[in-house]
PDB file of N, CA and C in Angstrom:
ATOM      1  N   UNK A   1      84.419  99.954  28.629  1.00  0.00           N
ATOM      2  CA  UNK A   1      83.743  98.720  28.330  1.00  0.00           C
ATOM      3  C   UNK A   1      84.482  97.585  29.042  1.00  0.00           C
ATOM      4  N   UNK A   2      83.884  97.053  30.068  1.00  0.00           N
ATOM      5  CA  UNK A   2      84.474  95.973  30.845  1.00  0.00           C
ATOM      6  C   UNK A   2      83.633  94.711  30.682  1.00  0.00           C
ATOM      7  N   UNK A   3      84.275  93.577  30.870  1.00  0.00           N
ATOM      8  CA  UNK A   3      83.587  92.296  30.733  1.00  0.00           C
ATOM      9  C   UNK A   3      83.963  91.395  31.896  1.00  0.00           C
ATOM     10  N   UNK A   4      83.145  90.386  32.088  1.00  0.00           N
ATOM     11  CA  UNK A   4      83.379  89.403  33.146  1.00  0.00           C
ATOM     12  C   UNK A   4      83.398  88.026  32.508  1.00  0.00           C
ATOM     13  N   UNK A   5      84.415  87.239  32.824  1.00  0.00           N
ATOM     14  CA  UNK A   5      84.541  85.877  32.318  1.00  0.00           C
ATOM     15  C   UNK A   5      84.354  84.938  33.499  1.00  0.00           C
ATOM     16  N   UNK A   6      83.432  83.986  33.361  1.00  0.00           N
ATOM     17  CA  UNK A   6      83.180  83.053  34.456  1.00  0.00           C
ATOM     18  C   UNK A   6      82.735  81.710  33.906  1.00  0.00           C
ATOM     19  N   UNK A   7      82.801  80.716  34.756  1.00  0.00           N
ATOM     20  CA  UNK A   7      82.311  79.389  34.424  1.00  0.00           C
ATOM     21  C   UNK A   7      80.940  79.239  35.066  1.00  0.00           C
ATOM     22  N   UNK A   8      79.907  78.864  34.307  1.00  0.00           N
ATOM     23  CA  UNK A   8      78.556  78.821  34.875  1.00  0.00           C
ATOM     24  C   UNK A   8      78.407  77.716  35.914  1.00  0.00           C
ATOM     25  N   UNK A   9      77.589  77.979  36.906  1.00  0.00           N
ATOM     26  CA  UNK A   9      77.308  76.997  37.952  1.00  0.00           C
ATOM     27  C   UNK A   9      76.190  76.081  37.488  1.00  0.00           C
ATOM     28  N   UNK A  10      76.061  74.948  38.141  1.00  0.00           N
ATOM     29  CA  UNK A  10      74.986  74.034  37.778  1.00  0.00           C
ATOM     30  C   UNK A  10      73.660  74.604  38.258  1.00  0.00           C
ATOM     31  N   UNK A  11      72.613  74.287  37.569  1.00  0.00           N
ATOM     32  CA  UNK A  11      71.302  74.794  37.924  1.00  0.00           C
ATOM     33  C   UNK A  11      70.799  74.112  39.192  1.00  0.00           C
ATOM     34  N   UNK A  12      70.040  74.829  39.968  1.00  0.00           N
ATOM     35  CA  UNK A  12      69.515  74.277  41.210  1.00  0.00           C
ATOM     36  C   UNK A  12      68.293  73.401  40.973  1.00  0.00           C
ATOM     37  N   UNK A  13      67.759  73.416  39.782  1.00  0.00           N
ATOM     38  CA  UNK A  13      66.537  72.677  39.501  1.00  0.00           C
ATOM     39  C   UNK A  13      66.783  71.199  39.215  1.00  0.00           C
ATOM     40  N   UNK A  14      68.005  70.842  38.801  1.00  0.00           N
ATOM     41  CA  UNK A  14      68.296  69.451  38.503  1.00  0.00           C
ATOM     42  C   UNK A  14      69.649  69.081  39.076  1.00  0.00           C
ATOM     43  N   UNK A  15      69.878  67.795  39.227  1.00  0.00           N
ATOM     44  CA  UNK A  15      71.126  67.348  39.823  1.00  0.00           C
ATOM     45  C   UNK A  15      72.237  67.200  38.802  1.00  0.00           C
ATOM     46  N   UNK A  16      71.944  67.266  37.532  1.00  0.00           N
ATOM     47  CA  UNK A  16      72.946  67.089  36.484  1.00  0.00           C
ATOM     48  C   UNK A  16      73.858  68.297  36.351  1.00  0.00           C
ATOM     49  N   UNK A  17      74.945  68.113  35.619  1.00  0.00           N
ATOM     50  CA  UNK A  17      75.914  69.178  35.442  1.00  0.00           C
ATOM     51  C   UNK A  17      75.974  69.633  33.972  1.00  0.00           C
ATOM     52  N   UNK A  18      74.856  69.589  33.272  1.00  0.00           N
ATOM     53  CA  UNK A  18      74.815  70.010  31.880  1.00  0.00           C
ATOM     54  C   UNK A  18      75.033  71.516  31.780  1.00  0.00           C
ATOM     55  N   UNK A  19      75.676  71.937  30.722  1.00  0.00           N
ATOM     56  CA  UNK A  19      75.948  73.341  30.425  1.00  0.00           C
ATOM     57  C   UNK A  19      76.833  74.022  31.473  1.00  0.00           C
ATOM     58  N   UNK A  20      77.642  73.258  32.185  1.00  0.00           N
ATOM     59  CA  UNK A  20      78.546  73.864  33.163  1.00  0.00           C
ATOM     60  C   UNK A  20      79.985  73.856  32.691  1.00  0.00           C
ATOM     61  N   UNK A  21      80.249  73.215  31.548  1.00  0.00           N
ATOM     62  CA  UNK A  21      81.611  73.228  31.033  1.00  0.00           C
ATOM     63  C   UNK A  21      81.776  74.443  30.128  1.00  0.00           C
ATOM     64  N   UNK A  22      82.964  74.944  30.043  1.00  0.00           N
ATOM     65  CA  UNK A  22      83.226  76.120  29.235  1.00  0.00           C
ATOM     66  C   UNK A  22      83.161  77.395  30.061  1.00  0.00           C
ATOM     67  N   UNK A  23      83.291  78.525  29.386  1.00  0.00           N
ATOM     68  CA  UNK A  23      83.304  79.821  30.047  1.00  0.00           C
ATOM     69  C   UNK A  23      82.383  80.783  29.299  1.00  0.00           C
ATOM     70  N   UNK A  24      81.833  81.739  30.034  1.00  0.00           N
ATOM     71  CA  UNK A  24      80.915  82.728  29.472  1.00  0.00           C
ATOM     72  C   UNK A  24      81.517  84.117  29.659  1.00  0.00           C
ATOM     73  N   UNK A  25      81.413  84.931  28.632  1.00  0.00           N
ATOM     74  CA  UNK A  25      81.847  86.324  28.697  1.00  0.00           C
ATOM     75  C   UNK A  25      80.607  87.201  28.675  1.00  0.00           C
ATOM     76  N   UNK A  26      80.429  88.017  29.710  1.00  0.00           N
ATOM     77  CA  UNK A  26      79.309  88.952  29.793  1.00  0.00           C
ATOM     78  C   UNK A  26      79.854  90.355  29.988  1.00  0.00           C
ATOM     79  N   UNK A  27      79.217  91.320  29.382  1.00  0.00           N
ATOM     80  CA  UNK A  27      79.626  92.717  29.521  1.00  0.00           C
ATOM     81  C   UNK A  27      78.970  93.336  30.750  1.00  0.00           C
ATOM     82  N   UNK A  28      79.689  94.217  31.409  1.00  0.00           N
ATOM     83  CA  UNK A  28      79.157  94.936  32.559  1.00  0.00           C
ATOM     84  C   UNK A  28      78.214  96.036  32.077  1.00  0.00           C
ATOM     85  N   UNK A  29      77.361  96.520  32.964  1.00  0.00           N
ATOM     86  CA  UNK A  29      76.431  97.595  32.618  1.00  0.00           C
ATOM     87  C   UNK A  29      77.187  98.897  32.363  1.00  0.00           C
ATOM     88  N   UNK A  30      76.896  99.543  31.235  1.00  0.00           N
ATOM     89  CA  UNK A  30      77.514 100.833  30.919  1.00  0.00           C
ATOM     90  C   UNK A  30      76.666 101.981  31.455  1.00  0.00           C
ATOM     91  N   UNK A  31      75.367 101.781  31.511  1.00  0.00           N
ATOM     92  CA  UNK A  31      74.467 102.799  32.045  1.00  0.00           C
ATOM     93  C   UNK A  31      73.505 102.121  33.020  1.00  0.00           C
ATOM     94  N   UNK A  32      73.048 102.842  34.025  1.00  0.00           N
ATOM     95  CA  UNK A  32      72.162 102.202  35.009  1.00  0.00           C
ATOM     96  C   UNK A  32      70.797 101.872  34.412  1.00  0.00           C
ATOM     97  N   UNK A  33      70.164 100.893  34.990  1.00  0.00           N
ATOM     98  CA  UNK A  33      68.813 100.531  34.562  1.00  0.00           C
ATOM     99  C   UNK A  33      67.820 101.546  35.115  1.00  0.00           C
ATOM    100  N   UNK A  34      66.712 101.668  34.414  1.00  0.00           N
ATOM    101  CA  UNK A  34      65.684 102.601  34.873  1.00  0.00           C
ATOM    102  C   UNK A  34      64.319 101.930  34.740  1.00  0.00           C
ATOM    103  N   UNK A  35      63.357 102.470  35.444  1.00  0.00           N
ATOM    104  CA  UNK A  35      62.003 101.915  35.440  1.00  0.00           C
ATOM    105  C   UNK A  35      61.159 102.708  34.453  1.00  0.00           C
ATOM    106  N   UNK A  36      60.499 101.983  33.555  1.00  0.00           N
ATOM    107  CA  UNK A  36      59.605 102.622  32.592  1.00  0.00           C
ATOM    108  C   UNK A  36      58.407 103.186  33.340  1.00  0.00           C
ATOM    109  N   UNK A  37      58.038 104.456  33.117  1.00  0.00           N
ATOM    110  CA  UNK A  37      56.945 105.043  33.880  1.00  0.00           C
ATOM    111  C   UNK A  37      55.568 104.478  33.532  1.00  0.00           C
ATOM    112  N   UNK A  38      55.362 104.018  32.299  1.00  0.00           N
ATOM    113  CA  UNK A  38      54.041 103.568  31.895  1.00  0.00           C
ATOM    114  C   UNK A  38      53.711 102.171  32.429  1.00  0.00           C
ATOM    115  N   UNK A  39      54.591 101.200  32.170  1.00  0.00           N
ATOM    116  CA  UNK A  39      54.308  99.817  32.531  1.00  0.00           C
ATOM    117  C   UNK A  39      55.042  99.358  33.788  1.00  0.00           C
ATOM    118  N   UNK A  40      56.069 100.063  34.191  1.00  0.00           N
ATOM    119  CA  UNK A  40      56.819  99.677  35.373  1.00  0.00           C
ATOM    120  C   UNK A  40      57.907  98.651  35.111  1.00  0.00           C
ATOM    121  N   UNK A  41      58.222  98.384  33.832  1.00  0.00           N
ATOM    122  CA  UNK A  41      59.276  97.441  33.497  1.00  0.00           C
ATOM    123  C   UNK A  41      60.639  98.057  33.776  1.00  0.00           C
ATOM    124  N   UNK A  42      61.606  97.233  34.075  1.00  0.00           N
ATOM    125  CA  UNK A  42      62.980  97.690  34.223  1.00  0.00           C
ATOM    126  C   UNK A  42      63.646  97.591  32.867  1.00  0.00           C
ATOM    127  N   UNK A  43      64.248  98.680  32.413  1.00  0.00           N
ATOM    128  CA  UNK A  43      64.853  98.681  31.087  1.00  0.00           C
ATOM    129  C   UNK A  43      66.226  99.330  31.147  1.00  0.00           C
ATOM    130  N   UNK A  44      66.953  99.181  30.049  1.00  0.00           N
ATOM    131  CA  UNK A  44      68.282  99.748  29.933  1.00  0.00           C
ATOM    132  C   UNK A  44      68.519 100.113  28.480  1.00  0.00           C
ATOM    133  N   UNK A  45      69.321 101.127  28.258  1.00  0.00           N
ATOM    134  CA  UNK A  45      69.654 101.528  26.890  1.00  0.00           C
ATOM    135  C   UNK A  45      70.925 100.841  26.410  1.00  0.00           C
ATOM    136  N   UNK A  46      71.530 100.043  27.261  1.00  0.00           N
ATOM    137  CA  UNK A  46      72.769  99.348  26.931  1.00  0.00           C
ATOM    138  C   UNK A  46      72.437  97.993  26.299  1.00  0.00           C
ATOM    139  N   UNK A  47      72.710  97.837  25.006  1.00  0.00           N
ATOM    140  CA  UNK A  47      72.396  96.586  24.323  1.00  0.00           C
ATOM    141  C   UNK A  47      73.472  95.520  24.524  1.00  0.00           C
ATOM    142  N   UNK A  48      74.655  95.903  24.959  1.00  0.00           N
ATOM    143  CA  UNK A  48      75.711  94.911  25.204  1.00  0.00           C
ATOM    144  C   UNK A  48      75.364  94.015  26.384  1.00  0.00           C
ATOM    145  N   UNK A  49      74.461  94.452  27.204  1.00  0.00           N
ATOM    146  CA  UNK A  49      74.035  93.668  28.361  1.00  0.00           C
ATOM    147  C   UNK A  49      73.374  92.362  27.920  1.00  0.00           C
ATOM    148  N   UNK A  50      72.809  92.330  26.734  1.00  0.00           N
ATOM    149  CA  UNK A  50      72.105  91.144  26.241  1.00  0.00           C
ATOM    150  C   UNK A  50      73.041  90.122  25.609  1.00  0.00           C
ATOM    151  N   UNK A  51      74.311  90.481  25.418  1.00  0.00           N
ATOM    152  CA  UNK A  51      75.260  89.613  24.730  1.00  0.00           C
ATOM    153  C   UNK A  51      75.947  88.690  25.723  1.00  0.00           C
ATOM    154  N   UNK A  52      75.910  87.393  25.447  1.00  0.00           N
ATOM    155  CA  UNK A  52      76.640  86.386  26.235  1.00  0.00           C
ATOM    156  C   UNK A  52      77.398  85.514  25.250  1.00  0.00           C
ATOM    157  N   UNK A  53      78.713  85.554  25.326  1.00  0.00           N
ATOM    158  CA  UNK A  53      79.548  84.756  24.437  1.00  0.00           C
ATOM    159  C   UNK A  53      80.043  83.532  25.191  1.00  0.00           C
ATOM    160  N   UNK A  54      79.978  82.374  24.542  1.00  0.00           N
ATOM    161  CA  UNK A  54      80.431  81.128  25.159  1.00  0.00           C
ATOM    162  C   UNK A  54      81.742  80.688  24.516  1.00  0.00           C
ATOM    163  N   UNK A  55      82.677  80.227  25.362  1.00  0.00           N
ATOM    164  CA  UNK A  55      83.977  79.746  24.912  1.00  0.00           C
ATOM    165  C   UNK A  55      84.244  78.396  25.558  1.00  0.00           C
ATOM    166  N   UNK A  56      85.004  77.556  24.871  1.00  0.00           N
ATOM    167  CA  UNK A  56      85.340  76.240  25.408  1.00  0.00           C
ATOM    168  C   UNK A  56      86.381  76.319  26.514  1.00  0.00           C
ATOM    169  N   UNK A  57      87.335  77.244  26.382  1.00  0.00           N
ATOM    170  CA  UNK A  57      88.403  77.351  27.366  1.00  0.00           C
ATOM    171  C   UNK A  57      88.549  78.791  27.840  1.00  0.00           C
ATOM    172  N   UNK A  58      89.204  78.945  28.965  1.00  0.00           N
ATOM    173  CA  UNK A  58      89.469  80.275  29.510  1.00  0.00           C
ATOM    174  C   UNK A  58      90.441  81.034  28.619  1.00  0.00           C
ATOM    175  N   UNK A  59      91.390  80.336  28.026  1.00  0.00           N
ATOM    176  CA  UNK A  59      92.374  80.994  27.158  1.00  0.00           C
ATOM    177  C   UNK A  59      91.711  81.595  25.922  1.00  0.00           C
ATOM    178  N   UNK A  60      90.697  80.920  25.383  1.00  0.00           N
ATOM    179  CA  UNK A  60      89.986  81.466  24.222  1.00  0.00           C
ATOM    180  C   UNK A  60      89.237  82.739  24.596  1.00  0.00           C
ATOM    181  N   UNK A  61      88.635  82.769  25.763  1.00  0.00           N
ATOM    182  CA  UNK A  61      87.904  83.954  26.208  1.00  0.00           C
ATOM    183  C   UNK A  61      88.862  85.118  26.433  1.00  0.00           C
ATOM    184  N   UNK A  62      90.007  84.849  27.048  1.00  0.00           N
ATOM    185  CA  UNK A  62      91.002  85.900  27.266  1.00  0.00           C
ATOM    186  C   UNK A  62      91.549  86.428  25.947  1.00  0.00           C
ATOM    187  N   UNK A  63      91.813  85.526  25.000  1.00  0.00           N
ATOM    188  CA  UNK A  63      92.336  85.940  23.697  1.00  0.00           C
ATOM    189  C   UNK A  63      91.333  86.819  22.957  1.00  0.00           C
ATOM    190  N   UNK A  64      90.042  86.498  23.069  1.00  0.00           N
ATOM    191  CA  UNK A  64      89.016  87.322  22.428  1.00  0.00           C
ATOM    192  C   UNK A  64      89.020  88.739  23.011  1.00  0.00           C
ATOM    193  N   UNK A  65      89.103  88.833  24.348  1.00  0.00           N
ATOM    194  CA  UNK A  65      89.106  90.148  24.993  1.00  0.00           C
ATOM    195  C   UNK A  65      90.343  90.950  24.619  1.00  0.00           C
ATOM    196  N   UNK A  66      91.483  90.296  24.566  1.00  0.00           N
ATOM    197  CA  UNK A  66      92.716  91.002  24.220  1.00  0.00           C
ATOM    198  C   UNK A  66      92.715  91.429  22.751  1.00  0.00           C
ATOM    199  N   UNK A  67      92.155  90.608  21.879  1.00  0.00           N
ATOM    200  CA  UNK A  67      92.102  90.941  20.454  1.00  0.00           C
ATOM    201  C   UNK A  67      91.219  92.161  20.207  1.00  0.00           C
ATOM    202  N   UNK A  68      90.113  92.273  20.962  1.00  0.00           N
ATOM    203  CA  UNK A  68      89.163  93.365  20.762  1.00  0.00           C
ATOM    204  C   UNK A  68      89.328  94.482  21.791  1.00  0.00           C
ATOM    205  N   UNK A  69      90.420  94.492  22.539  1.00  0.00           N
ATOM    206  CA  UNK A  69      90.742  95.539  23.527  1.00  0.00           C
ATOM    207  C   UNK A  69      89.627  95.724  24.554  1.00  0.00           C
ATOM    208  N   UNK A  70      89.207  94.633  25.135  1.00  0.00           N
ATOM    209  CA  UNK A  70      88.160  94.655  26.155  1.00  0.00           C
ATOM    210  C   UNK A  70      88.805  94.373  27.504  1.00  0.00           C
ATOM    211  N   UNK A  71      88.573  95.253  28.460  1.00  0.00           N
ATOM    212  CA  UNK A  71      89.049  95.006  29.816  1.00  0.00           C
ATOM    213  C   UNK A  71      88.190  93.899  30.424  1.00  0.00           C
ATOM    214  N   UNK A  72      88.817  92.948  31.102  1.00  0.00           N
ATOM    215  CA  UNK A  72      88.068  91.808  31.622  1.00  0.00           C
ATOM    216  C   UNK A  72      88.536  91.432  33.012  1.00  0.00           C
ATOM    217  N   UNK A  73      87.652  90.755  33.725  1.00  0.00           N
ATOM    218  CA  UNK A  73      87.995  90.161  35.009  1.00  0.00           C
ATOM    219  C   UNK A  73      87.532  88.715  34.963  1.00  0.00           C
ATOM    220  N   UNK A  74      88.296  87.838  35.608  1.00  0.00           N
ATOM    221  CA  UNK A  74      88.023  86.406  35.567  1.00  0.00           C
ATOM    222  C   UNK A  74      87.562  85.945  36.940  1.00  0.00           C
ATOM    223  N   UNK A  75      86.470  85.217  36.971  1.00  0.00           N
ATOM    224  CA  UNK A  75      85.987  84.588  38.201  1.00  0.00           C
ATOM    225  C   UNK A  75      86.092  83.090  38.020  1.00  0.00           C
ATOM    226  N   UNK A  76      87.053  82.491  38.704  1.00  0.00           N
ATOM    227  CA  UNK A  76      87.253  81.049  38.603  1.00  0.00           C
ATOM    228  C   UNK A  76      86.206  80.318  39.429  1.00  0.00           C
ATOM    229  N   UNK A  77      85.796  79.130  38.996  1.00  0.00           N
ATOM    230  CA  UNK A  77      84.776  78.386  39.754  1.00  0.00           C
ATOM    231  C   UNK A  77      85.337  77.894  41.076  1.00  0.00           C
ATOM    232  N   UNK A  78      84.477  77.835  42.079  1.00  0.00           N
ATOM    233  CA  UNK A  78      84.875  77.319  43.382  1.00  0.00           C
ATOM    234  C   UNK A  78      84.872  75.798  43.353  1.00  0.00           C
ATOM    235  N   UNK A  79      85.705  75.225  44.192  1.00  0.00           N
ATOM    236  CA  UNK A  79      85.750  73.773  44.301  1.00  0.00           C
ATOM    237  C   UNK A  79      84.462  73.286  44.952  1.00  0.00           C
ATOM    238  N   UNK A  80      83.850  72.268  44.375  1.00  0.00           N
ATOM    239  CA  UNK A  80      82.595  71.765  44.907  1.00  0.00           C
ATOM    240  C   UNK A  80      82.845  70.843  46.085  1.00  0.00           C
ATOM    241  N   UNK A  81      82.011  70.989  47.088  1.00  0.00           N
ATOM    242  CA  UNK A  81      82.065  70.079  48.232  1.00  0.00           C
ATOM    243  C   UNK A  81      81.113  68.930  47.957  1.00  0.00           C
ATOM    244  N   UNK A  82      81.595  67.736  48.100  1.00  0.00           N
ATOM    245  CA  UNK A  82      80.786  66.558  47.849  1.00  0.00           C
ATOM    246  C   UNK A  82      80.306  65.992  49.177  1.00  0.00           C
ATOM    247  N   UNK A  83      79.038  65.719  49.256  1.00  0.00           N
ATOM    248  CA  UNK A  83      78.464  65.110  50.443  1.00  0.00           C
ATOM    249  C   UNK A  83      77.974  63.740  50.047  1.00  0.00           C
ATOM    250  N   UNK A  84      78.581  62.738  50.595  1.00  0.00           N
ATOM    251  CA  UNK A  84      78.199  61.367  50.294  1.00  0.00           C
ATOM    252  C   UNK A  84      77.338  60.833  51.428  1.00  0.00           C
ATOM    253  N   UNK A  85      76.098  60.624  51.170  1.00  0.00           N
ATOM    254  CA  UNK A  85      75.185  60.063  52.161  1.00  0.00           C
ATOM    255  C   UNK A  85      74.199  59.168  51.431  1.00  0.00           C
ATOM    256  N   UNK A  86      73.809  58.137  52.089  1.00  0.00           N
ATOM    257  CA  UNK A  86      72.837  57.241  51.493  1.00  0.00           C
ATOM    258  C   UNK A  86      71.578  57.240  52.354  1.00  0.00           C
ATOM    259  N   UNK A  87      70.541  56.679  51.812  1.00  0.00           N
ATOM    260  CA  UNK A  87      69.268  56.627  52.521  1.00  0.00           C
ATOM    261  C   UNK A  87      69.384  55.800  53.791  1.00  0.00           C
ATOM    262  N   UNK A  88      70.188  54.768  53.763  1.00  0.00           N
ATOM    263  CA  UNK A  88      70.323  53.911  54.941  1.00  0.00           C
ATOM    264  C   UNK A  88      71.029  54.627  56.098  1.00  0.00           C
ATOM    265  N   UNK A  89      71.758  55.686  55.823  1.00  0.00           N
ATOM    266  CA  UNK A  89      72.403  56.449  56.897  1.00  0.00           C
ATOM    267  C   UNK A  89      71.376  57.104  57.819  1.00  0.00           C
ATOM    268  N   UNK A  90      70.171  57.301  57.351  1.00  0.00           N
ATOM    269  CA  UNK A  90      69.133  57.886  58.202  1.00  0.00           C
ATOM    270  C   UNK A  90      68.752  56.982  59.368  1.00  0.00           C
ATOM    271  N   UNK A  91      68.967  55.695  59.211  1.00  0.00           N
ATOM    272  CA  UNK A  91      68.545  54.731  60.222  1.00  0.00           C
ATOM    273  C   UNK A  91      69.723  54.017  60.890  1.00  0.00           C
ATOM    274  N   UNK A  92      70.913  54.551  60.763  1.00  0.00           N
ATOM    275  CA  UNK A  92      72.109  53.928  61.337  1.00  0.00           C
ATOM    276  C   UNK A  92      72.088  54.047  62.862  1.00  0.00           C
ATOM    277  N   UNK A  93      72.664  53.054  63.549  1.00  0.00           N
ATOM    278  CA  UNK A  93      72.702  53.064  65.008  1.00  0.00           C
ATOM    279  C   UNK A  93      73.706  54.087  65.543  1.00  0.00           C
ATOM    280  N   UNK A  94      74.701  54.389  64.771  1.00  0.00           N
ATOM    281  CA  UNK A  94      75.731  55.330  65.240  1.00  0.00           C
ATOM    282  C   UNK A  94      75.490  56.757  64.730  1.00  0.00           C
ATOM    283  N   UNK A  95      74.235  57.139  64.595  1.00  0.00           N
ATOM    284  CA  UNK A  95      73.891  58.505  64.191  1.00  0.00           C
ATOM    285  C   UNK A  95      74.304  59.488  65.265  1.00  0.00           C
ATOM    286  N   UNK A  96      74.732  60.673  64.853  1.00  0.00           N
ATOM    287  CA  UNK A  96      75.130  61.699  65.820  1.00  0.00           C
ATOM    288  C   UNK A  96      73.922  62.396  66.416  1.00  0.00           C
ATOM    289  N   UNK A  97      72.857  62.493  65.642  1.00  0.00           N
ATOM    290  CA  UNK A  97      71.629  63.119  66.138  1.00  0.00           C
ATOM    291  C   UNK A  97      70.521  62.078  66.095  1.00  0.00           C
ATOM    292  N   UNK A  98      69.638  62.069  67.075  1.00  0.00           N
ATOM    293  CA  UNK A  98      68.568  61.075  67.069  1.00  0.00           C
ATOM    294  C   UNK A  98      67.564  61.365  65.958  1.00  0.00           C
ATOM    295  N   UNK A  99      67.013  60.312  65.404  1.00  0.00           N
ATOM    296  CA  UNK A  99      66.033  60.449  64.345  1.00  0.00           C
ATOM    297  C   UNK A  99      64.648  60.519  64.985  1.00  0.00           C
ATOM    298  N   UNK A 100      63.979  61.642  64.827  1.00  0.00           N
ATOM    299  CA  UNK A 100      62.636  61.806  65.361  1.00  0.00           C
ATOM    300  C   UNK A 100      61.771  62.498  64.332  1.00  0.00           C
ATOM    301  N   UNK A 101      60.477  62.490  64.590  1.00  0.00           N
ATOM    302  CA  UNK A 101      59.550  63.169  63.685  1.00  0.00           C
ATOM    303  C   UNK A 101      59.383  64.579  64.124  1.00  0.00           C
TER     304      UNK A 101
END
């Protein structure tokens, strides 16, 4: 029984950073998924796959895994690259590429 601890990324649908603080613990698949022959749905007999535990800090998530003897791996979040550009930069005289339609 292995688990993965990670910090969630921001959603691509909005520019806000809601629900990105904290850490999530997810269990790895114990058995492979299979396709149901009647309806064609993908299913699994592993119910731990549906469990997602949320923690405020990485230390709390690690302590939970150690207390319950769960092997875990940690994926730290990548540093975000910030791009600062304004609308007026599209029409600047010192643009590197010409503005055309």
